[in-house]
Protein backbone atom coordinates (compact mmCIF):
# COMPACT_ATOMS: atom_id res chain seq x y z
CA MET A 1 -1.88 -83.08 88.16
CA ARG A 2 -2.40 -79.02 89.20
CA PRO A 3 -5.44 -77.05 87.77
CA SER A 4 -2.27 -74.52 86.31
CA ARG A 5 -0.96 -77.26 83.87
CA ILE A 6 -4.50 -78.61 82.84
CA LYS A 7 -5.42 -75.18 81.94
CA THR A 8 -2.34 -74.96 80.40
CA ILE A 9 -2.70 -78.65 78.71
CA GLY A 10 -6.02 -77.55 77.36
CA TYR A 11 -5.26 -74.43 75.53
CA LEU A 12 -2.24 -76.25 73.84
CA ILE A 13 -4.92 -78.99 72.85
CA SER A 14 -7.32 -75.81 71.60
CA SER A 15 -4.30 -74.35 69.66
CA ALA A 16 -3.75 -77.20 67.70
CA SER A 17 -7.47 -78.12 66.88
CA VAL A 18 -7.66 -74.61 65.05
CA LEU A 19 -4.50 -75.26 62.96
CA LEU A 20 -6.01 -78.41 62.45
CA LEU A 21 -9.21 -77.09 61.29
CA GLY A 22 -7.36 -74.70 59.28
CA ILE A 23 -5.45 -77.19 57.57
CA ALA A 24 -8.35 -78.84 56.69
CA ALA A 25 -10.55 -75.57 55.47
CA TRP A 26 -7.45 -74.59 53.35
CA PRO A 27 -8.70 -75.74 50.13
CA GLY A 28 -11.96 -74.62 50.42
CA ALA A 29 -10.81 -71.22 51.16
CA ARG A 30 -8.46 -70.71 48.56
CA ASP A 31 -11.06 -71.78 45.97
CA ALA A 32 -13.29 -69.18 47.26
CA GLY A 33 -10.95 -66.97 48.19
CA LEU A 34 -11.09 -66.63 51.87
CA VAL A 35 -7.50 -67.35 52.65
CA PRO A 36 -7.12 -63.93 54.49
CA VAL A 37 -10.52 -64.56 56.50
CA LEU A 38 -9.36 -68.16 57.55
CA ILE A 39 -5.58 -66.62 58.39
CA GLY A 40 -7.43 -64.11 60.45
CA GLY A 41 -9.38 -66.39 61.71
CA MET A 42 -7.21 -68.89 62.97
CA ALA A 43 -5.02 -65.86 64.31
CA THR A 44 -7.46 -64.61 66.53
CA SER A 45 -8.53 -67.65 67.80
CA ALA A 46 -5.03 -68.72 69.17
CA LEU A 47 -4.84 -65.16 70.36
CA GLY A 48 -7.66 -65.24 72.27
CA MET A 49 -6.53 -68.47 73.85
CA ALA A 50 -3.29 -66.79 74.09
CA PHE A 51 -4.73 -63.99 76.55
CA ARG A 52 -6.60 -66.12 78.58
CA TRP A 53 -3.58 -68.59 79.26
CA ARG A 54 -1.93 -65.07 80.45
CA SER A 55 -4.33 -64.30 82.46
CA TYR A 56 -4.74 -67.45 84.72
CA GLU A 57 -0.93 -67.13 84.83
CA LEU A 58 -1.19 -63.42 86.44
CA GLU A 59 -3.82 -64.47 88.85
CA LYS A 60 -1.79 -67.53 90.11
CA ALA A 61 1.27 -65.35 90.49
CA GLY A 62 -1.04 -63.04 92.15
CA GLU A 63 -0.23 -59.86 90.44
CA PRO A 64 -2.59 -57.04 91.54
CA GLU A 65 -3.60 -55.68 87.98
CA ALA A 66 -5.11 -59.32 87.18
CA ARG A 67 -7.38 -59.20 89.85
CA ASP A 68 -10.90 -57.99 89.26
CA PRO A 69 -11.75 -54.66 91.13
CA PRO A 70 -14.14 -55.08 93.85
CA GLU A 71 -17.60 -53.61 93.08
CA ARG A 72 -19.06 -50.55 94.00
CA ARG A 73 -21.72 -50.83 96.87
């Protein structure tokens, strides 16, 4: 299996775990009035994973803006 496919599967599994943990936390968050915080945390976690996945895809494709700039010496 290619490393890029493994990364993609890993990010999908991580996204699913965020959803499952959010479902488990929902009753407590609702009782404490923290539903917006729970949803915000879940959304930012999934968004961060999406950004990391996209950066790997750009690196794999050889996009110039995806490469780190050379260090100044």
